[in-house]
Every structure is written in C-alpha cells, then in structure tokens.
PDB file of N, CA and C in Angstrom:
ATOM      1  N   MET A   1    -290.824  61.018  99.924  1.00  0.00           N
ATOM      2  CA  MET A   1    -290.387  60.360  98.716  1.00  0.00           C
ATOM      3  C   MET A   1    -288.976  60.842  98.368  1.00  0.00           C
ATOM      4  N   ALA A   2    -288.140  59.925  97.883  1.00  0.00           N
ATOM      5  CA  ALA A   2    -286.749  60.254  97.575  1.00  0.00           C
ATOM      6  C   ALA A   2    -286.661  61.071  96.290  1.00  0.00           C
ATOM      7  N   GLU A   3    -285.661  61.938  96.256  1.00  0.00           N
ATOM      8  CA  GLU A   3    -285.394  62.751  95.068  1.00  0.00           C
ATOM      9  C   GLU A   3    -284.784  61.880  93.971  1.00  0.00           C
ATOM     10  N   LEU A   4    -285.271  62.029  92.738  1.00  0.00           N
ATOM     11  CA  LEU A   4    -284.726  61.294  91.595  1.00  0.00           C
ATOM     12  C   LEU A   4    -283.812  62.192  90.782  1.00  0.00           C
ATOM     13  N   VAL A   5    -282.772  61.598  90.226  1.00  0.00           N
ATOM     14  CA  VAL A   5    -281.824  62.303  89.373  1.00  0.00           C
ATOM     15  C   VAL A   5    -281.890  61.655  87.989  1.00  0.00           C
ATOM     16  N   LEU A   6    -282.064  62.464  86.976  1.00  0.00           N
ATOM     17  CA  LEU A   6    -282.070  61.985  85.599  1.00  0.00           C
ATOM     18  C   LEU A   6    -280.647  62.080  85.061  1.00  0.00           C
ATOM     19  N   CYS A   7    -280.063  60.954  84.684  1.00  0.00           N
ATOM     20  CA  CYS A   7    -278.697  60.946  84.147  1.00  0.00           C
ATOM     21  C   CYS A   7    -278.749  60.909  82.629  1.00  0.00           C
ATOM     22  N   ARG A   8    -277.968  61.790  82.020  1.00  0.00           N
ATOM     23  CA  ARG A   8    -277.905  61.880  80.565  1.00  0.00           C
ATOM     24  C   ARG A   8    -276.461  61.715  80.109  1.00  0.00           C
ATOM     25  N   CYS A   9    -276.307  61.237  78.889  1.00  0.00           N
ATOM     26  CA  CYS A   9    -274.994  61.134  78.268  1.00  0.00           C
ATOM     27  C   CYS A   9    -274.434  62.543  78.072  1.00  0.00           C
ATOM     28  N   LYS A  10    -273.186  62.762  78.453  1.00  0.00           N
ATOM     29  CA  LYS A  10    -272.613  64.105  78.303  1.00  0.00           C
ATOM     30  C   LYS A  10    -272.306  64.443  76.848  1.00  0.00           C
ATOM     31  N   HIS A  11    -272.289  63.447  75.963  1.00  0.00           N
ATOM     32  CA  HIS A  11    -271.974  63.687  74.556  1.00  0.00           C
ATOM     33  C   HIS A  11    -273.217  63.960  73.716  1.00  0.00           C
ATOM     34  N   CYS A  12    -274.250  63.105  73.843  1.00  0.00           N
ATOM     35  CA  CYS A  12    -275.421  63.237  72.970  1.00  0.00           C
ATOM     36  C   CYS A  12    -276.683  63.651  73.723  1.00  0.00           C
ATOM     37  N   ARG A  13    -276.617  63.707  75.046  1.00  0.00           N
ATOM     38  CA  ARG A  13    -277.733  64.129  75.907  1.00  0.00           C
ATOM     39  C   ARG A  13    -278.884  63.127  75.972  1.00  0.00           C
ATOM     40  N   ASN A  14    -278.717  61.914  75.458  1.00  0.00           N
ATOM     41  CA  ASN A  14    -279.744  60.877  75.602  1.00  0.00           C
ATOM     42  C   ASN A  14    -279.862  60.481  77.064  1.00  0.00           C
ATOM     43  N   THR A  15    -281.068  60.122  77.480  1.00  0.00           N
ATOM     44  CA  THR A  15    -281.287  59.673  78.857  1.00  0.00           C
ATOM     45  C   THR A  15    -280.711  58.282  79.047  1.00  0.00           C
ATOM     46  N   ILE A  16    -279.919  58.105  80.098  1.00  0.00           N
ATOM     47  CA  ILE A  16    -279.353  56.801  80.441  1.00  0.00           C
ATOM     48  C   ILE A  16    -280.251  56.093  81.441  1.00  0.00           C
ATOM     49  N   SER A  17    -280.664  56.811  82.493  1.00  0.00           N
ATOM     50  CA  SER A  17    -281.550  56.234  83.498  1.00  0.00           C
ATOM     51  C   SER A  17    -281.921  57.291  84.523  1.00  0.00           C
ATOM     52  N   LYS A  18    -282.825  56.915  85.425  1.00  0.00           N
ATOM     53  CA  LYS A  18    -283.150  57.726  86.598  1.00  0.00           C
ATOM     54  C   LYS A  18    -282.621  56.989  87.817  1.00  0.00           C
ATOM     55  N   PHE A  19    -282.036  57.738  88.734  1.00  0.00           N
ATOM     56  CA  PHE A  19    -281.492  57.161  89.960  1.00  0.00           C
ATOM     57  C   PHE A  19    -282.071  57.881  91.165  1.00  0.00           C
ATOM     58  N   ILE A  20    -282.191  57.163  92.271  1.00  0.00           N
ATOM     59  CA  ILE A  20    -282.471  57.828  93.542  1.00  0.00           C
ATOM     60  C   ILE A  20    -281.193  58.569  93.912  1.00  0.00           C
ATOM     61  N   ASN A  21    -281.311  59.783  94.398  1.00  0.00           N
ATOM     62  CA  ASN A  21    -280.161  60.660  94.614  1.00  0.00           C
ATOM     63  C   ASN A  21    -279.368  60.277  95.871  1.00  0.00           C
ATOM     64  N   LEU A  22    -278.827  59.062  95.864  1.00  0.00           N
ATOM     65  CA  LEU A  22    -277.936  58.561  96.909  1.00  0.00           C
ATOM     66  C   LEU A  22    -276.741  57.924  96.223  1.00  0.00           C
ATOM     67  N   TRP A  23    -275.529  58.400  96.516  1.00  0.00           N
ATOM     68  CA  TRP A  23    -274.330  57.986  95.796  1.00  0.00           C
ATOM     69  C   TRP A  23    -273.202  57.664  96.759  1.00  0.00           C
ATOM     70  N   TYR A  24    -272.291  56.815  96.344  1.00  0.00           N
ATOM     71  CA  TYR A  24    -271.037  56.631  97.074  1.00  0.00           C
ATOM     72  C   TYR A  24    -269.915  57.128  96.179  1.00  0.00           C
ATOM     73  N   GLU A  25    -268.853  57.581  96.815  1.00  0.00           N
ATOM     74  CA  GLU A  25    -267.696  58.095  96.081  1.00  0.00           C
ATOM     75  C   GLU A  25    -266.438  57.467  96.640  1.00  0.00           C
ATOM     76  N   ILE A  26    -265.639  56.906  95.756  1.00  0.00           N
ATOM     77  CA  ILE A  26    -264.329  56.378  96.126  1.00  0.00           C
ATOM     78  C   ILE A  26    -263.342  56.985  95.148  1.00  0.00           C
ATOM     79  N   GLY A  27    -262.518  57.896  95.630  1.00  0.00           N
ATOM     80  CA  GLY A  27    -261.592  58.595  94.742  1.00  0.00           C
ATOM     81  C   GLY A  27    -262.364  59.386  93.711  1.00  0.00           C
ATOM     82  N   MET A  28    -262.077  59.147  92.435  1.00  0.00           N
ATOM     83  CA  MET A  28    -262.776  59.868  91.374  1.00  0.00           C
ATOM     84  C   MET A  28    -263.985  59.100  90.839  1.00  0.00           C
ATOM     85  N   TYR A  29    -264.295  57.948  91.431  1.00  0.00           N
ATOM     86  CA  TYR A  29    -265.387  57.108  90.955  1.00  0.00           C
ATOM     87  C   TYR A  29    -266.658  57.347  91.771  1.00  0.00           C
ATOM     88  N   LEU A  30    -267.802  57.424  91.071  1.00  0.00           N
ATOM     89  CA  LEU A  30    -269.108  57.571  91.706  1.00  0.00           C
ATOM     90  C   LEU A  30    -269.979  56.398  91.287  1.00  0.00           C
ATOM     91  N   GLY A  31    -270.848  55.983  92.191  1.00  0.00           N
ATOM     92  CA  GLY A  31    -271.795  54.930  91.858  1.00  0.00           C
ATOM     93  C   GLY A  31    -273.060  55.107  92.667  1.00  0.00           C
ATOM     94  N   PRO A  32    -274.183  54.657  92.116  1.00  0.00           N
ATOM     95  CA  PRO A  32    -275.434  54.774  92.857  1.00  0.00           C
ATOM     96  C   PRO A  32    -275.489  53.770  93.999  1.00  0.00           C
ATOM     97  N   ILE A  33    -276.035  54.183  95.131  1.00  0.00           N
ATOM     98  CA  ILE A  33    -276.221  53.261  96.252  1.00  0.00           C
ATOM     99  C   ILE A  33    -277.384  52.320  95.939  1.00  0.00           C
ATOM    100  N   ILE A  34    -278.430  52.848  95.321  1.00  0.00           N
ATOM    101  CA  ILE A  34    -279.596  52.052  94.946  1.00  0.00           C
ATOM    102  C   ILE A  34    -279.619  51.938  93.421  1.00  0.00           C
ATOM    103  N   VAL A  35    -279.493  50.734  92.922  1.00  0.00           N
ATOM    104  CA  VAL A  35    -279.450  50.489  91.484  1.00  0.00           C
ATOM    105  C   VAL A  35    -280.854  50.672  90.897  1.00  0.00           C
ATOM    106  N   PRO A  36    -280.961  51.285  89.723  1.00  0.00           N
ATOM    107  CA  PRO A  36    -282.283  51.486  89.117  1.00  0.00           C
ATOM    108  C   PRO A  36    -282.950  50.156  88.759  1.00  0.00           C
ATOM    109  N   ARG A  37    -284.270  50.164  88.686  1.00  0.00           N
ATOM    110  CA  ARG A  37    -285.023  48.939  88.364  1.00  0.00           C
ATOM    111  C   ARG A  37    -284.875  48.536  86.907  1.00  0.00           C
ATOM    112  N   LYS A  38    -284.732  49.508  86.019  1.00  0.00           N
ATOM    113  CA  LYS A  38    -284.592  49.215  84.589  1.00  0.00           C
ATOM    114  C   LYS A  38    -283.113  49.077  84.231  1.00  0.00           C
ATOM    115  N   ASP A  39    -282.856  48.311  83.170  1.00  0.00           N
ATOM    116  CA  ASP A  39    -281.482  48.212  82.673  1.00  0.00           C
ATOM    117  C   ASP A  39    -281.002  49.575  82.201  1.00  0.00           C
ATOM    118  N   LEU A  40    -279.719  49.830  82.375  1.00  0.00           N
ATOM    119  CA  LEU A  40    -279.126  51.077  81.918  1.00  0.00           C
ATOM    120  C   LEU A  40    -278.901  51.004  80.413  1.00  0.00           C
ATOM    121  N   ASP A  41    -279.090  52.100  79.740  1.00  0.00           N
ATOM    122  CA  ASP A  41    -278.891  52.161  78.290  1.00  0.00           C
ATOM    123  C   ASP A  41    -277.438  52.550  78.013  1.00  0.00           C
ATOM    124  N   ILE A  42    -276.511  51.648  78.384  1.00  0.00           N
ATOM    125  CA  ILE A  42    -275.078  51.937  78.284  1.00  0.00           C
ATOM    126  C   ILE A  42    -274.335  50.795  77.604  1.00  0.00           C
ATOM    127  N   CYS A  43    -273.106  51.088  77.211  1.00  0.00           N
ATOM    128  CA  CYS A  43    -272.192  50.070  76.712  1.00  0.00           C
ATOM    129  C   CYS A  43    -270.817  50.363  77.318  1.00  0.00           C
ATOM    130  N   HIS A  44    -269.968  49.375  77.301  1.00  0.00           N
ATOM    131  CA  HIS A  44    -268.620  49.538  77.828  1.00  0.00           C
ATOM    132  C   HIS A  44    -267.750  50.186  76.766  1.00  0.00           C
ATOM    133  N   LYS A  45    -267.047  51.223  77.156  1.00  0.00           N
ATOM    134  CA  LYS A  45    -266.275  51.997  76.194  1.00  0.00           C
ATOM    135  C   LYS A  45    -264.847  51.478  76.033  1.00  0.00           C
ATOM    136  N   ARG A  46    -264.294  50.920  77.074  1.00  0.00           N
ATOM    137  CA  ARG A  46    -262.919  50.402  77.024  1.00  0.00           C
ATOM    138  C   ARG A  46    -262.833  49.110  77.830  1.00  0.00           C
ATOM    139  N   SER A  47    -261.674  48.512  77.843  1.00  0.00           N
ATOM    140  CA  SER A  47    -261.455  47.272  78.588  1.00  0.00           C
ATOM    141  C   SER A  47    -261.578  47.496  80.095  1.00  0.00           C
ATOM    142  N   THR A  48    -261.877  46.408  80.792  1.00  0.00           N
ATOM    143  CA  THR A  48    -261.954  46.439  82.245  1.00  0.00           C
ATOM    144  C   THR A  48    -260.562  46.619  82.835  1.00  0.00           C
ATOM    145  N   VAL A  49    -260.476  47.432  83.863  1.00  0.00           N
ATOM    146  CA  VAL A  49    -259.243  47.551  84.640  1.00  0.00           C
ATOM    147  C   VAL A  49    -259.587  47.202  86.086  1.00  0.00           C
ATOM    148  N   TYR A  50    -258.599  46.821  86.857  1.00  0.00           N
ATOM    149  CA  TYR A  50    -258.812  46.471  88.252  1.00  0.00           C
ATOM    150  C   TYR A  50    -258.238  47.553  89.150  1.00  0.00           C
ATOM    151  N   GLY A  51    -258.890  47.736  90.294  1.00  0.00           N
ATOM    152  CA  GLY A  51    -258.440  48.740  91.255  1.00  0.00           C
ATOM    153  C   GLY A  51    -257.028  48.460  91.743  1.00  0.00           C
ATOM    154  N   GLU A  52    -256.358  49.518  92.176  1.00  0.00           N
ATOM    155  CA  GLU A  52    -254.978  49.391  92.645  1.00  0.00           C
ATOM    156  C   GLU A  52    -254.900  48.568  93.924  1.00  0.00           C
ATOM    157  N   PRO A  53    -253.906  47.678  94.028  1.00  0.00           N
ATOM    158  CA  PRO A  53    -253.716  46.901  95.256  1.00  0.00           C
ATOM    159  C   PRO A  53    -253.507  47.831  96.458  1.00  0.00           C
ATOM    160  N   GLY A  54    -254.047  47.428  97.592  1.00  0.00           N
ATOM    161  CA  GLY A  54    -253.880  48.203  98.818  1.00  0.00           C
ATOM    162  C   GLY A  54    -254.853  49.365  98.959  1.00  0.00           C
ATOM    163  N   THR A  55    -255.839  49.474  98.032  1.00  0.00           N
ATOM    164  CA  THR A  55    -256.842  50.535  98.117  1.00  0.00           C
ATOM    165  C   THR A  55    -258.224  49.907  98.296  1.00  0.00           C
ATOM    166  N   LEU A  56    -259.231  50.737  98.537  1.00  0.00           N
ATOM    167  CA  LEU A  56    -260.596  50.239  98.656  1.00  0.00           C
ATOM    168  C   LEU A  56    -261.091  49.600  97.361  1.00  0.00           C
ATOM    169  N   LEU A  57    -260.484  49.943  96.249  1.00  0.00           N
ATOM    170  CA  LEU A  57    -260.899  49.420  94.953  1.00  0.00           C
ATOM    171  C   LEU A  57    -260.100  48.194  94.515  1.00  0.00           C
ATOM    172  N   GLU A  58    -259.296  47.647  95.411  1.00  0.00           N
ATOM    173  CA  GLU A  58    -258.346  46.588  95.064  1.00  0.00           C
ATOM    174  C   GLU A  58    -258.961  45.439  94.264  1.00  0.00           C
ATOM    175  N   LYS A  59    -260.093  44.924  94.635  1.00  0.00           N
ATOM    176  CA  LYS A  59    -260.674  43.772  93.938  1.00  0.00           C
ATOM    177  C   LYS A  59    -261.869  44.168  93.077  1.00  0.00           C
ATOM    178  N   CYS A  60    -261.980  45.445  92.757  1.00  0.00           N
ATOM    179  CA  CYS A  60    -263.097  45.940  91.953  1.00  0.00           C
ATOM    180  C   CYS A  60    -262.717  46.005  90.478  1.00  0.00           C
ATOM    181  N   ARG A  61    -263.700  45.692  89.630  1.00  0.00           N
ATOM    182  CA  ARG A  61    -263.530  45.876  88.184  1.00  0.00           C
ATOM    183  C   ARG A  61    -264.085  47.241  87.827  1.00  0.00           C
ATOM    184  N   LEU A  62    -263.339  48.023  87.079  1.00  0.00           N
ATOM    185  CA  LEU A  62    -263.734  49.381  86.715  1.00  0.00           C
ATOM    186  C   LEU A  62    -263.796  49.496  85.200  1.00  0.00           C
ATOM    187  N   GLN A  63    -264.837  50.181  84.709  1.00  0.00           N
ATOM    188  CA  GLN A  63    -264.976  50.375  83.266  1.00  0.00           C
ATOM    189  C   GLN A  63    -265.509  51.766  82.986  1.00  0.00           C
ATOM    190  N   ILE A  64    -265.038  52.354  81.893  1.00  0.00           N
ATOM    191  CA  ILE A  64    -265.598  53.592  81.398  1.00  0.00           C
ATOM    192  C   ILE A  64    -266.798  53.221  80.547  1.00  0.00           C
ATOM    193  N   ILE A  65    -267.894  53.926  80.730  1.00  0.00           N
ATOM    194  CA  ILE A  65    -269.114  53.595  80.005  1.00  0.00           C
ATOM    195  C   ILE A  65    -269.570  54.770  79.154  1.00  0.00           C
ATOM    196  N   ALA A  66    -270.440  54.491  78.208  1.00  0.00           N
ATOM    197  CA  ALA A  66    -271.060  55.510  77.368  1.00  0.00           C
ATOM    198  C   ALA A  66    -272.460  55.023  77.032  1.00  0.00           C
ATOM    199  N   CYS A  67    -273.329  55.926  76.603  1.00  0.00           N
ATOM    200  CA  CYS A  67    -274.654  55.486  76.195  1.00  0.00           C
ATOM    201  C   CYS A  67    -274.536  54.707  74.891  1.00  0.00           C
ATOM    202  N   LYS A  68    -275.513  53.862  74.621  1.00  0.00           N
ATOM    203  CA  LYS A  68    -275.464  53.015  73.427  1.00  0.00           C
ATOM    204  C   LYS A  68    -275.507  53.798  72.130  1.00  0.00           C
ATOM    205  N   SER A  69    -275.993  55.029  72.178  1.00  0.00           N
ATOM    206  CA  SER A  69    -276.063  55.867  70.962  1.00  0.00           C
ATOM    207  C   SER A  69    -274.730  56.503  70.615  1.00  0.00           C
ATOM    208  N   TYR A  70    -273.813  56.543  71.575  1.00  0.00           N
ATOM    209  CA  TYR A  70    -272.522  57.195  71.353  1.00  0.00           C
ATOM    210  C   TYR A  70    -271.535  56.176  70.793  1.00  0.00           C
ATOM    211  N   PRO A  71    -270.819  56.484  69.724  1.00  0.00           N
ATOM    212  CA  PRO A  71    -269.883  55.511  69.136  1.00  0.00           C
ATOM    213  C   PRO A  71    -268.755  55.161  70.088  1.00  0.00           C
ATOM    214  N   ILE A  72    -268.419  53.885  70.128  1.00  0.00           N
ATOM    215  CA  ILE A  72    -267.326  53.414  70.977  1.00  0.00           C
ATOM    216  C   ILE A  72    -266.012  53.746  70.295  1.00  0.00           C
ATOM    217  N   LEU A  73    -265.111  54.377  71.061  1.00  0.00           N
ATOM    218  CA  LEU A  73    -263.821  54.792  70.496  1.00  0.00           C
ATOM    219  C   LEU A  73    -262.736  53.813  70.867  1.00  0.00           C
TER     220      LEU A  73
END
C-alpha cells in the first residue's frame, strides 16, 4: 500500500487533503503525481501567472494557493 501524506495549511494548520506520496518537481514548484479523490479545501490567493517562455512551464498556469480558512491577501 502506498504511503499517504497529510497536507496542512502552514498558516492555520487546517487539513487541506491527503496525497499519495508521489510528487513531481519543476524548479521551485511541486505537484502531486496522483490527484486526490476529494476536492482540495483551497482557494486561489493571487492572480494566475504563466510559466516563462522556453522552459518546461512555458504553457502552464501557476497560482499561489491557501486553505479556505486563511484570509486572502
């Protein structure tokens, strides 16, 4: 059975979700390889930005997220 990781908000410590402990990393960005079955308890904290041209993130949309309990700044 795969190892599960419990992800919590770094500000309020509320649980965001459980993930199977398999991740990809591109630069400073991390993402789960296997998406959880339940919706994440998150909201978008800032506007979407696009990856830099000529990089692996070129056509990717990137957003900073926070848990829904944390106020959006």
